[in-house]
């Protein structure tokens, strides 16, 4: 979800501009109580923001929990675990962006060999050569 969030957001904006019925549907549903009176874009970003929000909450809770309290160690472990999850998410997003760069470059190269793109290769940099 995180990897393609920006593309999803852009597609939503494009469809909103391009299709009047879709725009009307979005506007109608923004007013609904079930949607928390939020736009679809606001609802879509909620999962992306959830883990950082929980991490901040746990860090604040840990800061205000005495080190001798029984909850201090589990809180510390939870903070470290969430930091690891966030690092993994960010690393996965970076890898996905690199793969997208590779796909784009392959489209630009005439008669590019198919075996050039492989899961063990990574994008480093792009140079335009004339």
C-alpha atoms as a PDB file:
ATOM      1  CA  UNK A   1       0.000   0.000   0.000  1.00  0.00           C
ATOM      2  CA  UNK A   2       2.759   2.406   0.984  1.00  0.00           C
ATOM      3  CA  UNK A   3       4.758   1.654  -2.173  1.00  0.00           C
ATOM      4  CA  UNK A   4       2.010   2.792  -4.520  1.00  0.00           C
ATOM      5  CA  UNK A   5       0.320   5.432  -2.376  1.00  0.00           C
ATOM      6  CA  UNK A   6       1.616   8.386  -4.418  1.00  0.00           C
ATOM      7  CA  UNK A   7       0.485   6.789  -7.693  1.00  0.00           C
ATOM      8  CA  UNK A   8      -2.928   6.082  -6.161  1.00  0.00           C
ATOM      9  CA  UNK A   9      -3.225   9.675  -4.985  1.00  0.00           C
ATOM     10  CA  UNK A  10      -2.338  10.999  -8.454  1.00  0.00           C
ATOM     11  CA  UNK A  11      -4.845   8.635 -10.100  1.00  0.00           C
ATOM     12  CA  UNK A  12      -7.514   9.836  -7.673  1.00  0.00           C
ATOM     13  CA  UNK A  13      -6.798  13.493  -8.525  1.00  0.00           C
ATOM     14  CA  UNK A  14      -6.838  12.741 -12.260  1.00  0.00           C
ATOM     15  CA  UNK A  15     -10.127  10.822 -12.082  1.00  0.00           C
ATOM     16  CA  UNK A  16     -11.655  13.544  -9.927  1.00  0.00           C
ATOM     17  CA  UNK A  17     -10.797  16.128 -12.599  1.00  0.00           C
ATOM     18  CA  UNK A  18     -11.624  13.966 -15.607  1.00  0.00           C
ATOM     19  CA  UNK A  19     -14.918  12.320 -14.605  1.00  0.00           C
ATOM     20  CA  UNK A  20     -17.732  14.597 -13.349  1.00  0.00           C
ATOM     21  CA  UNK A  21     -19.781  11.667 -12.002  1.00  0.00           C
ATOM     22  CA  UNK A  22     -16.781  10.451  -9.984  1.00  0.00           C
ATOM     23  CA  UNK A  23     -16.281  13.988  -8.674  1.00  0.00           C
ATOM     24  CA  UNK A  24     -19.952  14.140  -7.638  1.00  0.00           C
ATOM     25  CA  UNK A  25     -19.654  10.723  -5.965  1.00  0.00           C
ATOM     26  CA  UNK A  26     -16.617  11.892  -3.976  1.00  0.00           C
ATOM     27  CA  UNK A  27     -18.295  15.143  -2.931  1.00  0.00           C
ATOM     28  CA  UNK A  28     -21.483  13.335  -1.889  1.00  0.00           C
ATOM     29  CA  UNK A  29     -19.591  10.835   0.259  1.00  0.00           C
ATOM     30  CA  UNK A  30     -17.343  13.447   1.886  1.00  0.00           C
ATOM     31  CA  UNK A  31     -20.421  14.688   3.726  1.00  0.00           C
ATOM     32  CA  UNK A  32     -21.340  11.274   5.114  1.00  0.00           C
ATOM     33  CA  UNK A  33     -20.899  10.652   8.814  1.00  0.00           C
ATOM     34  CA  UNK A  34     -19.722   7.097   8.061  1.00  0.00           C
ATOM     35  CA  UNK A  35     -16.712   8.593   6.270  1.00  0.00           C
ATOM     36  CA  UNK A  36     -15.958  10.879   9.182  1.00  0.00           C
ATOM     37  CA  UNK A  37     -16.656  13.810   6.866  1.00  0.00           C
ATOM     38  CA  UNK A  38     -13.247  13.186   5.289  1.00  0.00           C
ATOM     39  CA  UNK A  39     -12.189  13.168   1.667  1.00  0.00           C
ATOM     40  CA  UNK A  40     -11.112   9.912   0.043  1.00  0.00           C
ATOM     41  CA  UNK A  41      -7.528  11.229  -0.068  1.00  0.00           C
ATOM     42  CA  UNK A  42      -7.650  11.843   3.700  1.00  0.00           C
ATOM     43  CA  UNK A  43      -9.023   8.354   4.296  1.00  0.00           C
ATOM     44  CA  UNK A  44      -6.366   6.783   2.062  1.00  0.00           C
ATOM     45  CA  UNK A  45      -3.476   8.364   3.954  1.00  0.00           C
ATOM     46  CA  UNK A  46      -4.685   7.016   7.307  1.00  0.00           C
ATOM     47  CA  UNK A  47      -2.929   3.607   7.013  1.00  0.00           C
ATOM     48  CA  UNK A  48       0.283   5.331   5.898  1.00  0.00           C
ATOM     49  CA  UNK A  49       0.250   7.585   8.974  1.00  0.00           C
ATOM     50  CA  UNK A  50      -0.871   4.953  11.477  1.00  0.00           C
ATOM     51  CA  UNK A  51       2.482   3.323  12.332  1.00  0.00           C
ATOM     52  CA  UNK A  52       4.373   6.623  12.796  1.00  0.00           C
ATOM     53  CA  UNK A  53       1.520   7.890  14.983  1.00  0.00           C
ATOM     54  CA  UNK A  54       1.591   4.768  17.145  1.00  0.00           C
ATOM     55  CA  UNK A  55       5.383   5.009  17.400  1.00  0.00           C
ATOM     56  CA  UNK A  56       5.158   8.615  18.621  1.00  0.00           C
ATOM     57  CA  UNK A  57       2.506   7.623  21.156  1.00  0.00           C
ATOM     58  CA  UNK A  58       4.603   4.738  22.501  1.00  0.00           C
ATOM     59  CA  UNK A  59       7.738   6.886  22.632  1.00  0.00           C
ATOM     60  CA  UNK A  60       5.862   9.508  24.636  1.00  0.00           C
ATOM     61  CA  UNK A  61       4.431   6.835  26.901  1.00  0.00           C
ATOM     62  CA  UNK A  62       7.904   5.349  27.395  1.00  0.00           C
ATOM     63  CA  UNK A  63       9.323   8.789  28.216  1.00  0.00           C
ATOM     64  CA  UNK A  64       6.741   9.215  30.974  1.00  0.00           C
ATOM     65  CA  UNK A  65       7.023   5.666  32.332  1.00  0.00           C
ATOM     66  CA  UNK A  66       9.434   5.174  35.212  1.00  0.00           C
ATOM     67  CA  UNK A  67      12.239   2.741  34.376  1.00  0.00           C
ATOM     68  CA  UNK A  68      11.351   0.641  37.419  1.00  0.00           C
ATOM     69  CA  UNK A  69       7.742   0.185  36.286  1.00  0.00           C
ATOM     70  CA  UNK A  70       6.730  -3.259  34.922  1.00  0.00           C
ATOM     71  CA  UNK A  71       5.583  -1.726  31.625  1.00  0.00           C
ATOM     72  CA  UNK A  72       8.881   0.025  30.861  1.00  0.00           C
ATOM     73  CA  UNK A  73      10.674  -2.946  29.276  1.00  0.00           C
ATOM     74  CA  UNK A  74       7.721  -4.104  27.133  1.00  0.00           C
ATOM     75  CA  UNK A  75       7.198  -0.512  25.971  1.00  0.00           C
ATOM     76  CA  UNK A  76      10.867  -0.250  25.064  1.00  0.00           C
ATOM     77  CA  UNK A  77      10.628  -3.488  23.051  1.00  0.00           C
ATOM     78  CA  UNK A  78       7.468  -2.259  21.316  1.00  0.00           C
ATOM     79  CA  UNK A  79       9.186   1.005  20.325  1.00  0.00           C
ATOM     80  CA  UNK A  80      12.159  -0.885  18.912  1.00  0.00           C
ATOM     81  CA  UNK A  81       9.890  -3.313  17.051  1.00  0.00           C
ATOM     82  CA  UNK A  82       7.929  -0.455  15.455  1.00  0.00           C
ATOM     83  CA  UNK A  83      11.165   1.282  14.467  1.00  0.00           C
ATOM     84  CA  UNK A  84      12.215  -1.953  12.746  1.00  0.00           C
ATOM     85  CA  UNK A  85       8.863  -2.196  10.959  1.00  0.00           C
ATOM     86  CA  UNK A  86       9.160   1.413   9.772  1.00  0.00           C
ATOM     87  CA  UNK A  87      12.715   0.815   8.567  1.00  0.00           C
ATOM     88  CA  UNK A  88      11.551  -2.253   6.636  1.00  0.00           C
ATOM     89  CA  UNK A  89       8.646  -0.331   5.089  1.00  0.00           C
ATOM     90  CA  UNK A  90      10.951   2.497   4.033  1.00  0.00           C
ATOM     91  CA  UNK A  91      13.519   0.077   2.621  1.00  0.00           C
ATOM     92  CA  UNK A  92      10.828  -1.790   0.693  1.00  0.00           C
ATOM     93  CA  UNK A  93       9.499   1.495  -0.681  1.00  0.00           C
ATOM     94  CA  UNK A  94      13.011   2.485  -1.786  1.00  0.00           C
ATOM     95  CA  UNK A  95      13.483  -0.869  -3.543  1.00  0.00           C
ATOM     96  CA  UNK A  96      10.146  -0.524  -5.302  1.00  0.00           C
ATOM     97  CA  UNK A  97      11.092   2.973  -6.485  1.00  0.00           C
ATOM     98  CA  UNK A  98      14.375   1.597  -7.814  1.00  0.00           C
ATOM     99  CA  UNK A  99      12.525  -1.135  -9.709  1.00  0.00           C
ATOM    100  CA  UNK A 100      10.196   1.456 -11.198  1.00  0.00           C
ATOM    101  CA  UNK A 101      13.249   3.430 -12.389  1.00  0.00           C
ATOM    102  CA  UNK A 102      14.613   0.263 -13.983  1.00  0.00           C
ATOM    103  CA  UNK A 103      11.302  -0.380 -15.788  1.00  0.00           C
ATOM    104  CA  UNK A 104      11.256   3.195 -17.069  1.00  0.00           C
ATOM    105  CA  UNK A 105      14.816   2.922 -18.347  1.00  0.00           C
ATOM    106  CA  UNK A 106      14.071  -0.350 -20.108  1.00  0.00           C
ATOM    107  CA  UNK A 107      11.209   1.327 -21.963  1.00  0.00           C
ATOM    108  CA  UNK A 108      13.600   4.073 -23.110  1.00  0.00           C
ATOM    109  CA  UNK A 109      16.251   1.698 -24.473  1.00  0.00           C
ATOM    110  CA  UNK A 110      15.618   0.411 -27.984  1.00  0.00           C
ATOM    111  CA  UNK A 111      15.965  -3.358 -28.326  1.00  0.00           C
ATOM    112  CA  UNK A 112      16.841  -3.690 -24.664  1.00  0.00           C
ATOM    113  CA  UNK A 113      17.605  -7.319 -23.735  1.00  0.00           C
ATOM    114  CA  UNK A 114      14.921  -8.758 -21.454  1.00  0.00           C
ATOM    115  CA  UNK A 115      17.489 -10.341 -19.135  1.00  0.00           C
ATOM    116  CA  UNK A 116      18.831  -6.885 -18.240  1.00  0.00           C
ATOM    117  CA  UNK A 117      16.076  -6.574 -15.646  1.00  0.00           C
ATOM    118  CA  UNK A 118      16.540  -9.004 -12.789  1.00  0.00           C
ATOM    119  CA  UNK A 119      15.594  -9.166  -9.109  1.00  0.00           C
ATOM    120  CA  UNK A 120      19.229  -9.229  -8.011  1.00  0.00           C
ATOM    121  CA  UNK A 121      20.075  -5.982  -9.843  1.00  0.00           C
ATOM    122  CA  UNK A 122      19.560  -2.572  -8.303  1.00  0.00           C
ATOM    123  CA  UNK A 123      19.262   0.936  -9.679  1.00  0.00           C
ATOM    124  CA  UNK A 124      22.236   3.171  -8.890  1.00  0.00           C
ATOM    125  CA  UNK A 125      22.033   6.148 -11.203  1.00  0.00           C
ATOM    126  CA  UNK A 126      20.853   7.286 -14.613  1.00  0.00           C
ATOM    127  CA  UNK A 127      22.858   9.180 -17.199  1.00  0.00           C
ATOM    128  CA  UNK A 128      21.591  10.426 -20.545  1.00  0.00           C
ATOM    129  CA  UNK A 129      24.156   9.781 -23.251  1.00  0.00           C
ATOM    130  CA  UNK A 130      23.951  11.210 -26.732  1.00  0.00           C
END
